[in-house]
Amino acid sequence: MAENSSDNIKEFWAELPRTDEDYLGSLRDWKNVHIATDDETIWLKGFTDEQASASELHQLPNFLLYELRDGLLFKKEALVPSGKMRTALLWMPIDKALRLTFPASNQNYFGISEKFPVRLKESNEEHPVIALLNRIDDCKESIVALPKFRLEKIEWIVIGEKALFLGTPLLSLPGKTYWTKDGHLLPSGFDFEFKNLSTFLQQKYNKESDGWLLWDENGNYLSIKKTDFRPLSVSSFRLTEKSREWN
């Protein structure tokens, strides 16, 4: 007789104090996880085996993970239960329970209100780059020396003393490179601390999807209209150089 595979499926629960609720943001995109609360405790359930071992979970302060067996909660590898399964809890998907609250829009150059801090963190994932930010004075000799076909698929815009080049294949110039995510331009090697935050930020700051949000590593952004970009050519670059000299 075949073994019932459902008997081998583990069900994980977790708890942490309600005072540590702010730390749950790192789990917001785990849509399979459900959350409930009582007077002093936050309860979570529905973790996959992979999530139950993930660093995002075990880095939470005052966090306890249990395996549910026959209505009892066991800590990892424990033979004696720590307590009974809680009943009469109101469960919700974690991404719906943890609502984001955004600050008023701030259009200052690389500035954002501190009411809801947006943080970027280093990421091990590799993404193709699509944009390059460089000082105009550091790239002007290289630009005028490049053949026309290298410039044809590139658009650019001037930002203060810098030029932002957009397109692929990207120019082989020194500078800071960016990859794209949901209409954001993020520094290479970085991603939002809360990965699903990108769509909420687009809804708040780029409702018409007519621009790019250019981010730095400190979580500050610059809103750029796509219509402000122009095709890159040696002539357009030289004209920009002359206008800067006249100013």
C-alpha atoms as a PDB file:
ATOM      1  CA  MET A   1       0.000   0.000   0.000  1.00  0.00           C
ATOM      2  CA  ALA A   2       1.443   3.390  -1.004  1.00  0.00           C
ATOM      3  CA  GLU A   3       2.390   5.826   1.722  1.00  0.00           C
ATOM      4  CA  ASN A   4       0.151   8.889   2.027  1.00  0.00           C
ATOM      5  CA  SER A   5       2.435  11.788   1.016  1.00  0.00           C
ATOM      6  CA  SER A   6       0.232  14.283   2.868  1.00  0.00           C
ATOM      7  CA  ASP A   7       1.386  12.744   6.141  1.00  0.00           C
ATOM      8  CA  ASN A   8       4.921  14.013   5.447  1.00  0.00           C
ATOM      9  CA  ILE A   9       3.985  17.640   4.799  1.00  0.00           C
ATOM     10  CA  LYS A  10       5.212  19.878   7.588  1.00  0.00           C
ATOM     11  CA  GLU A  11       3.152  22.826   8.770  1.00  0.00           C
ATOM     12  CA  PHE A  12       5.104  25.677  10.314  1.00  0.00           C
ATOM     13  CA  TRP A  13       3.877  28.341  12.701  1.00  0.00           C
ATOM     14  CA  ALA A  14       5.789  31.273  14.172  1.00  0.00           C
ATOM     15  CA  GLU A  15       5.322  33.944  16.799  1.00  0.00           C
ATOM     16  CA  LEU A  16       6.924  37.215  17.814  1.00  0.00           C
ATOM     17  CA  PRO A  17       5.892  40.090  20.106  1.00  0.00           C
ATOM     18  CA  ARG A  18       3.602  42.751  18.662  1.00  0.00           C
ATOM     19  CA  THR A  19       6.208  45.336  19.627  1.00  0.00           C
ATOM     20  CA  ASP A  20       8.421  43.902  16.846  1.00  0.00           C
ATOM     21  CA  GLU A  21       5.787  44.247  14.108  1.00  0.00           C
ATOM     22  CA  ASP A  22       7.888  46.743  12.132  1.00  0.00           C
ATOM     23  CA  TYR A  23      10.448  44.032  11.371  1.00  0.00           C
ATOM     24  CA  LEU A  24       7.913  42.001   9.375  1.00  0.00           C
ATOM     25  CA  GLY A  25       8.331  44.181   6.291  1.00  0.00           C
ATOM     26  CA  SER A  26      11.030  41.852   4.973  1.00  0.00           C
ATOM     27  CA  LEU A  27       8.379  39.101   4.697  1.00  0.00           C
ATOM     28  CA  ARG A  28       5.706  41.192   2.996  1.00  0.00           C
ATOM     29  CA  ASP A  29       6.205  39.586  -0.436  1.00  0.00           C
ATOM     30  CA  TRP A  30       5.715  36.039   0.974  1.00  0.00           C
ATOM     31  CA  LYS A  31       2.084  36.028  -0.108  1.00  0.00           C
ATOM     32  CA  ASN A  32       1.505  32.426   0.964  1.00  0.00           C
ATOM     33  CA  VAL A  33       2.127  33.349   4.617  1.00  0.00           C
ATOM     34  CA  HIS A  34      -0.847  34.329   6.785  1.00  0.00           C
ATOM     35  CA  ILE A  35      -0.781  36.498   9.888  1.00  0.00           C
ATOM     36  CA  ALA A  36      -2.996  36.948  12.960  1.00  0.00           C
ATOM     37  CA  THR A  37      -2.669  38.777  16.265  1.00  0.00           C
ATOM     38  CA  ASP A  38      -3.845  38.514  19.827  1.00  0.00           C
ATOM     39  CA  ASP A  39      -3.270  40.926  22.709  1.00  0.00           C
ATOM     40  CA  GLU A  40       0.538  40.690  22.804  1.00  0.00           C
ATOM     41  CA  THR A  41       1.620  38.268  20.081  1.00  0.00           C
ATOM     42  CA  ILE A  42       1.815  38.134  16.293  1.00  0.00           C
ATOM     43  CA  TRP A  43       1.219  34.677  14.835  1.00  0.00           C
ATOM     44  CA  LEU A  44       2.277  33.515  11.382  1.00  0.00           C
ATOM     45  CA  LYS A  45       1.646  30.303   9.475  1.00  0.00           C
ATOM     46  CA  GLY A  46       1.870  28.813   5.998  1.00  0.00           C
ATOM     47  CA  PHE A  47       5.651  28.856   5.508  1.00  0.00           C
ATOM     48  CA  THR A  48       7.191  26.563   2.907  1.00  0.00           C
ATOM     49  CA  ASP A  49      10.178  24.412   3.915  1.00  0.00           C
ATOM     50  CA  GLU A  50      12.485  26.856   2.122  1.00  0.00           C
ATOM     51  CA  GLN A  51      10.980  29.899   3.854  1.00  0.00           C
ATOM     52  CA  ALA A  52      11.188  28.193   7.245  1.00  0.00           C
ATOM     53  CA  SER A  53      14.979  28.026   6.777  1.00  0.00           C
ATOM     54  CA  ALA A  54      15.434  31.471   5.195  1.00  0.00           C
ATOM     55  CA  SER A  55      17.673  34.076   6.816  1.00  0.00           C
ATOM     56  CA  GLU A  56      14.953  36.746   6.469  1.00  0.00           C
ATOM     57  CA  LEU A  57      12.906  34.790   8.984  1.00  0.00           C
ATOM     58  CA  HIS A  58      15.565  33.908  11.534  1.00  0.00           C
ATOM     59  CA  GLN A  59      17.007  37.427  11.632  1.00  0.00           C
ATOM     60  CA  LEU A  60      13.780  38.750  13.151  1.00  0.00           C
ATOM     61  CA  PRO A  61      14.242  39.677  16.824  1.00  0.00           C
ATOM     62  CA  ASN A  62      12.460  37.582  19.478  1.00  0.00           C
ATOM     63  CA  PHE A  63      11.257  35.215  16.751  1.00  0.00           C
ATOM     64  CA  LEU A  64      10.132  31.638  17.502  1.00  0.00           C
ATOM     65  CA  LEU A  65       9.454  29.003  14.844  1.00  0.00           C
ATOM     66  CA  TYR A  66       7.342  25.928  15.495  1.00  0.00           C
ATOM     67  CA  GLU A  67       6.322  22.786  13.683  1.00  0.00           C
ATOM     68  CA  LEU A  68       2.651  21.918  14.137  1.00  0.00           C
ATOM     69  CA  ARG A  69       2.032  18.261  15.006  1.00  0.00           C
ATOM     70  CA  ASP A  70      -1.378  16.946  16.060  1.00  0.00           C
ATOM     71  CA  GLY A  71      -2.483  20.380  17.230  1.00  0.00           C
ATOM     72  CA  LEU A  72       0.692  20.969  19.293  1.00  0.00           C
ATOM     73  CA  LEU A  73       3.538  23.417  18.641  1.00  0.00           C
ATOM     74  CA  PHE A  74       7.071  21.976  18.728  1.00  0.00           C
ATOM     75  CA  LYS A  75      10.286  23.976  18.439  1.00  0.00           C
ATOM     76  CA  LYS A  76      12.797  22.648  15.908  1.00  0.00           C
ATOM     77  CA  GLU A  77      13.945  19.101  16.814  1.00  0.00           C
ATOM     78  CA  ALA A  78      12.163  19.322  20.166  1.00  0.00           C
ATOM     79  CA  LEU A  79      10.500  16.201  21.548  1.00  0.00           C
ATOM     80  CA  VAL A  80       8.283  18.064  24.011  1.00  0.00           C
ATOM     81  CA  PRO A  81       5.688  20.577  22.766  1.00  0.00           C
ATOM     82  CA  SER A  82       5.904  24.218  23.764  1.00  0.00           C
ATOM     83  CA  GLY A  83       2.162  24.741  23.686  1.00  0.00           C
ATOM     84  CA  LYS A  84      -1.082  24.127  21.857  1.00  0.00           C
ATOM     85  CA  MET A  85      -2.153  25.511  18.505  1.00  0.00           C
ATOM     86  CA  ARG A  86      -4.008  28.795  18.952  1.00  0.00           C
ATOM     87  CA  THR A  87      -7.652  28.838  17.873  1.00  0.00           C
ATOM     88  CA  ALA A  88     -10.192  31.613  17.173  1.00  0.00           C
ATOM     89  CA  LEU A  89      -7.585  33.739  15.402  1.00  0.00           C
ATOM     90  CA  LEU A  90      -8.488  35.954  12.434  1.00  0.00           C
ATOM     91  CA  TRP A  91      -5.990  35.140   9.678  1.00  0.00           C
ATOM     92  CA  MET A  92      -5.086  37.394   6.728  1.00  0.00           C
ATOM     93  CA  PRO A  93      -2.487  37.165   3.922  1.00  0.00           C
ATOM     94  CA  ILE A  94       0.604  39.015   5.123  1.00  0.00           C
ATOM     95  CA  ASP A  95       0.812  41.285   2.047  1.00  0.00           C
ATOM     96  CA  LYS A  96      -2.721  42.563   2.735  1.00  0.00           C
ATOM     97  CA  ALA A  97      -2.312  42.808   6.507  1.00  0.00           C
ATOM     98  CA  LEU A  98       0.844  44.937   6.335  1.00  0.00           C
ATOM     99  CA  ARG A  99      -0.354  48.036   4.547  1.00  0.00           C
ATOM    100  CA  LEU A 100       2.175  50.614   3.353  1.00  0.00           C
ATOM    101  CA  THR A 101       1.767  54.280   4.299  1.00  0.00           C
ATOM    102  CA  PHE A 102       3.503  56.713   1.956  1.00  0.00           C
ATOM    103  CA  PRO A 103       4.627  60.287   2.613  1.00  0.00           C
ATOM    104  CA  ALA A 104       3.543  63.277   0.599  1.00  0.00           C
ATOM    105  CA  SER A 105       5.359  63.535  -2.721  1.00  0.00           C
ATOM    106  CA  ASN A 106       8.667  65.375  -2.626  1.00  0.00           C
ATOM    107  CA  GLN A 107      10.081  66.410  -5.988  1.00  0.00           C
ATOM    108  CA  ASN A 108      13.424  67.707  -4.711  1.00  0.00           C
ATOM    109  CA  TYR A 109      16.508  66.314  -6.379  1.00  0.00           C
ATOM    110  CA  PHE A 110      17.328  63.029  -4.672  1.00  0.00           C
ATOM    111  CA  GLY A 111      15.026  63.849  -1.756  1.00  0.00           C
ATOM    112  CA  ILE A 112      12.193  61.967  -0.105  1.00  0.00           C
ATOM    113  CA  SER A 113      10.210  62.522   3.079  1.00  0.00           C
ATOM    114  CA  GLU A 114      11.427  60.598   6.112  1.00  0.00           C
ATOM    115  CA  LYS A 115       7.908  59.565   7.158  1.00  0.00           C
ATOM    116  CA  PHE A 116       8.339  56.247   5.338  1.00  0.00           C
ATOM    117  CA  PRO A 117      12.063  55.609   4.729  1.00  0.00           C
ATOM    118  CA  VAL A 118      12.801  53.674   1.555  1.00  0.00           C
ATOM    119  CA  ARG A 119      15.931  51.572   1.896  1.00  0.00           C
ATOM    120  CA  LEU A 120      18.051  49.803  -0.681  1.00  0.00           C
ATOM    121  CA  LYS A 121      20.262  46.862   0.201  1.00  0.00           C
ATOM    122  CA  GLU A 122      23.040  45.002  -1.562  1.00  0.00           C
ATOM    123  CA  SER A 123      21.812  42.108  -3.680  1.00  0.00           C
ATOM    124  CA  ASN A 124      23.599  39.007  -4.957  1.00  0.00           C
ATOM    125  CA  GLU A 125      21.319  38.805  -7.989  1.00  0.00           C
ATOM    126  CA  GLU A 126      22.772  39.953 -11.311  1.00  0.00           C
ATOM    127  CA  HIS A 127      20.720  42.073 -13.700  1.00  0.00           C
ATOM    128  CA  PRO A 128      21.579  43.521 -17.118  1.00  0.00           C
ATOM    129  CA  VAL A 129      22.397  47.222 -16.933  1.00  0.00           C
ATOM    130  CA  ILE A 130      20.400  49.724 -18.943  1.00  0.00           C
ATOM    131  CA  ALA A 131      21.641  53.145 -17.771  1.00  0.00           C
ATOM    132  CA  LEU A 132      24.907  54.903 -16.954  1.00  0.00           C
ATOM    133  CA  LEU A 133      25.448  58.102 -14.933  1.00  0.00           C
ATOM    134  CA  ASN A 134      28.712  59.944 -15.550  1.00  0.00           C
ATOM    135  CA  ARG A 135      30.237  63.391 -15.199  1.00  0.00           C
ATOM    136  CA  ILE A 136      30.038  65.194 -18.532  1.00  0.00           C
ATOM    137  CA  ASP A 137      33.626  66.420 -18.242  1.00  0.00           C
ATOM    138  CA  ASP A 138      34.829  62.840 -17.737  1.00  0.00           C
ATOM    139  CA  CYS A 139      33.192  61.419 -20.845  1.00  0.00           C
ATOM    140  CA  LYS A 140      33.217  64.197 -23.448  1.00  0.00           C
ATOM    141  CA  GLU A 141      36.401  63.030 -25.180  1.00  0.00           C
ATOM    142  CA  SER A 142      35.141  59.454 -25.390  1.00  0.00           C
ATOM    143  CA  ILE A 143      31.711  60.441 -26.729  1.00  0.00           C
ATOM    144  CA  VAL A 144      32.996  62.467 -29.670  1.00  0.00           C
ATOM    145  CA  ALA A 145      35.376  59.640 -30.585  1.00  0.00           C
ATOM    146  CA  LEU A 146      32.717  56.914 -30.723  1.00  0.00           C
ATOM    147  CA  PRO A 147      31.341  55.774 -34.100  1.00  0.00           C
ATOM    148  CA  LYS A 148      27.772  56.761 -34.978  1.00  0.00           C
ATOM    149  CA  PHE A 149      26.369  53.211 -34.716  1.00  0.00           C
ATOM    150  CA  ARG A 150      27.444  53.017 -31.042  1.00  0.00           C
ATOM    151  CA  LEU A 151      25.300  56.066 -30.237  1.00  0.00           C
ATOM    152  CA  GLU A 152      22.163  55.320 -32.289  1.00  0.00           C
ATOM    153  CA  LYS A 153      20.355  53.237 -29.659  1.00  0.00           C
ATOM    154  CA  ILE A 154      21.221  55.520 -26.717  1.00  0.00           C
ATOM    155  CA  GLU A 155      19.149  58.362 -25.262  1.00  0.00           C
ATOM    156  CA  TRP A 156      20.477  60.834 -22.750  1.00  0.00           C
ATOM    157  CA  ILE A 157      19.635  63.685 -20.400  1.00  0.00           C
ATOM    158  CA  VAL A 158      21.712  66.212 -18.473  1.00  0.00           C
ATOM    159  CA  ILE A 159      21.398  66.178 -14.671  1.00  0.00           C
ATOM    160  CA  GLY A 160      23.437  69.034 -13.239  1.00  0.00           C
ATOM    161  CA  GLU A 161      27.069  68.332 -14.099  1.00  0.00           C
ATOM    162  CA  LYS A 162      26.304  64.742 -15.058  1.00  0.00           C
ATOM    163  CA  ALA A 163      24.848  62.901 -18.036  1.00  0.00           C
ATOM    164  CA  LEU A 164      22.498  59.936 -17.759  1.00  0.00           C
ATOM    165  CA  PHE A 165      22.744  57.570 -20.735  1.00  0.00           C
ATOM    166  CA  LEU A 166      19.894  55.111 -21.322  1.00  0.00           C
ATOM    167  CA  GLY A 167      19.769  52.172 -23.733  1.00  0.00           C
ATOM    168  CA  THR A 168      21.448  48.943 -24.780  1.00  0.00           C
ATOM    169  CA  PRO A 169      24.082  48.014 -25.557  1.00  0.00           C
ATOM    170  CA  LEU A 170      25.322  50.500 -22.978  1.00  0.00           C
ATOM    171  CA  LEU A 171      28.343  52.647 -23.739  1.00  0.00           C
ATOM    172  CA  SER A 172      31.671  51.400 -22.388  1.00  0.00           C
ATOM    173  CA  LEU A 173      32.343  54.429 -20.207  1.00  0.00           C
ATOM    174  CA  PRO A 174      33.295  54.823 -16.544  1.00  0.00           C
ATOM    175  CA  GLY A 175      30.496  55.781 -14.187  1.00  0.00           C
ATOM    176  CA  LYS A 176      27.639  54.375 -12.135  1.00  0.00           C
ATOM    177  CA  THR A 177      25.428  51.808 -13.840  1.00  0.00           C
ATOM    178  CA  TYR A 178      21.752  51.054 -13.219  1.00  0.00           C
ATOM    179  CA  TRP A 179      19.277  48.255 -13.909  1.00  0.00           C
ATOM    180  CA  THR A 180      15.549  48.597 -14.355  1.00  0.00           C
ATOM    181  CA  LYS A 181      12.749  47.237 -12.177  1.00  0.00           C
ATOM    182  CA  ASP A 182       9.075  48.217 -12.616  1.00  0.00           C
ATOM    183  CA  GLY A 183      10.015  51.614 -14.052  1.00  0.00           C
ATOM    184  CA  HIS A 184      12.763  52.276 -11.485  1.00  0.00           C
ATOM    185  CA  LEU A 185      16.447  52.733 -12.236  1.00  0.00           C
ATOM    186  CA  LEU A 186      18.329  51.062  -9.385  1.00  0.00           C
ATOM    187  CA  PRO A 187      22.121  51.099  -8.820  1.00  0.00           C
ATOM    188  CA  SER A 188      23.783  47.897  -9.974  1.00  0.00           C
ATOM    189  CA  GLY A 189      24.148  45.440  -7.115  1.00  0.00           C
ATOM    190  CA  PHE A 190      21.255  46.937  -5.127  1.00  0.00           C
ATOM    191  CA  ASP A 191      17.538  46.238  -4.749  1.00  0.00           C
ATOM    192  CA  PHE A 192      14.752  47.524  -2.513  1.00  0.00           C
ATOM    193  CA  GLU A 193      14.927  46.165   1.031  1.00  0.00           C
ATOM    194  CA  PHE A 194      11.287  45.085   0.576  1.00  0.00           C
ATOM    195  CA  LYS A 195      11.195  43.715  -2.955  1.00  0.00           C
ATOM    196  CA  ASN A 196       7.509  44.256  -3.666  1.00  0.00           C
ATOM    197  CA  LEU A 197       7.820  47.924  -2.645  1.00  0.00           C
ATOM    198  CA  SER A 198       8.664  48.894  -6.231  1.00  0.00           C
ATOM    199  CA  THR A 199       5.094  48.649  -7.553  1.00  0.00           C
ATOM    200  CA  PHE A 200       3.688  50.710  -4.658  1.00  0.00           C
ATOM    201  CA  LEU A 201       6.259  53.455  -5.271  1.00  0.00           C
ATOM    202  CA  GLN A 202       5.342  53.538  -8.951  1.00  0.00           C
ATOM    203  CA  GLN A 203       1.661  53.916  -8.079  1.00  0.00           C
ATOM    204  CA  LYS A 204       2.494  56.804  -5.765  1.00  0.00           C
ATOM    205  CA  TYR A 205       5.151  58.725  -7.711  1.00  0.00           C
ATOM    206  CA  ASN A 206       4.705  57.639 -11.338  1.00  0.00           C
ATOM    207  CA  LYS A 207       0.967  57.039 -11.796  1.00  0.00           C
ATOM    208  CA  GLU A 208       1.039  57.825 -15.516  1.00  0.00           C
ATOM    209  CA  SER A 209       4.072  55.578 -16.125  1.00  0.00           C
ATOM    210  CA  ASP A 210       5.573  58.424 -18.128  1.00  0.00           C
ATOM    211  CA  GLY A 211       8.883  58.681 -16.316  1.00  0.00           C
ATOM    212  CA  TRP A 212      11.754  56.949 -14.574  1.00  0.00           C
ATOM    213  CA  LEU A 213      12.513  57.011 -10.868  1.00  0.00           C
ATOM    214  CA  LEU A 214      16.290  57.166 -10.501  1.00  0.00           C
ATOM    215  CA  TRP A 215      17.509  55.947  -7.091  1.00  0.00           C
ATOM    216  CA  ASP A 216      20.752  56.234  -5.162  1.00  0.00           C
ATOM    217  CA  GLU A 217      22.065  53.749  -2.590  1.00  0.00           C
ATOM    218  CA  ASN A 218      20.660  55.795   0.312  1.00  0.00           C
ATOM    219  CA  GLY A 219      17.035  55.428  -0.800  1.00  0.00           C
ATOM    220  CA  ASN A 220      16.693  58.874  -2.398  1.00  0.00           C
ATOM    221  CA  TYR A 221      15.135  59.333  -5.817  1.00  0.00           C
ATOM    222  CA  LEU A 222      14.906  61.691  -8.782  1.00  0.00           C
ATOM    223  CA  SER A 223      11.826  61.686 -11.029  1.00  0.00           C
ATOM    224  CA  ILE A 224      12.716  62.026 -14.730  1.00  0.00           C
ATOM    225  CA  LYS A 225      10.203  62.399 -17.581  1.00  0.00           C
ATOM    226  CA  LYS A 226      10.818  59.996 -20.463  1.00  0.00           C
ATOM    227  CA  THR A 227      10.016  62.804 -22.918  1.00  0.00           C
ATOM    228  CA  ASP A 228      13.003  64.787 -21.574  1.00  0.00           C
ATOM    229  CA  PHE A 229      15.433  62.246 -23.011  1.00  0.00           C
ATOM    230  CA  ARG A 230      16.838  62.896 -26.469  1.00  0.00           C
ATOM    231  CA  PRO A 231      18.771  60.745 -28.954  1.00  0.00           C
ATOM    232  CA  LEU A 232      22.505  60.752 -28.360  1.00  0.00           C
ATOM    233  CA  SER A 233      24.730  62.027 -31.135  1.00  0.00           C
ATOM    234  CA  VAL A 234      28.084  63.764 -31.334  1.00  0.00           C
ATOM    235  CA  SER A 235      26.375  66.968 -32.493  1.00  0.00           C
ATOM    236  CA  SER A 236      23.836  67.011 -29.645  1.00  0.00           C
ATOM    237  CA  PHE A 237      26.593  66.371 -27.146  1.00  0.00           C
ATOM    238  CA  ARG A 238      28.756  69.179 -28.534  1.00  0.00           C
ATOM    239  CA  LEU A 239      25.806  71.597 -28.502  1.00  0.00           C
ATOM    240  CA  THR A 240      25.232  70.761 -24.851  1.00  0.00           C
ATOM    241  CA  GLU A 241      28.911  71.375 -24.136  1.00  0.00           C
ATOM    242  CA  LYS A 242      28.742  74.809 -25.772  1.00  0.00           C
ATOM    243  CA  SER A 243      25.594  75.811 -23.887  1.00  0.00           C
ATOM    244  CA  ARG A 244      27.261  74.830 -20.609  1.00  0.00           C
ATOM    245  CA  GLU A 245      30.264  76.979 -21.455  1.00  0.00           C
ATOM    246  CA  TRP A 246      28.057  79.964 -22.263  1.00  0.00           C
ATOM    247  CA  ASN A 247      26.246  79.573 -18.953  1.00  0.00           C
END
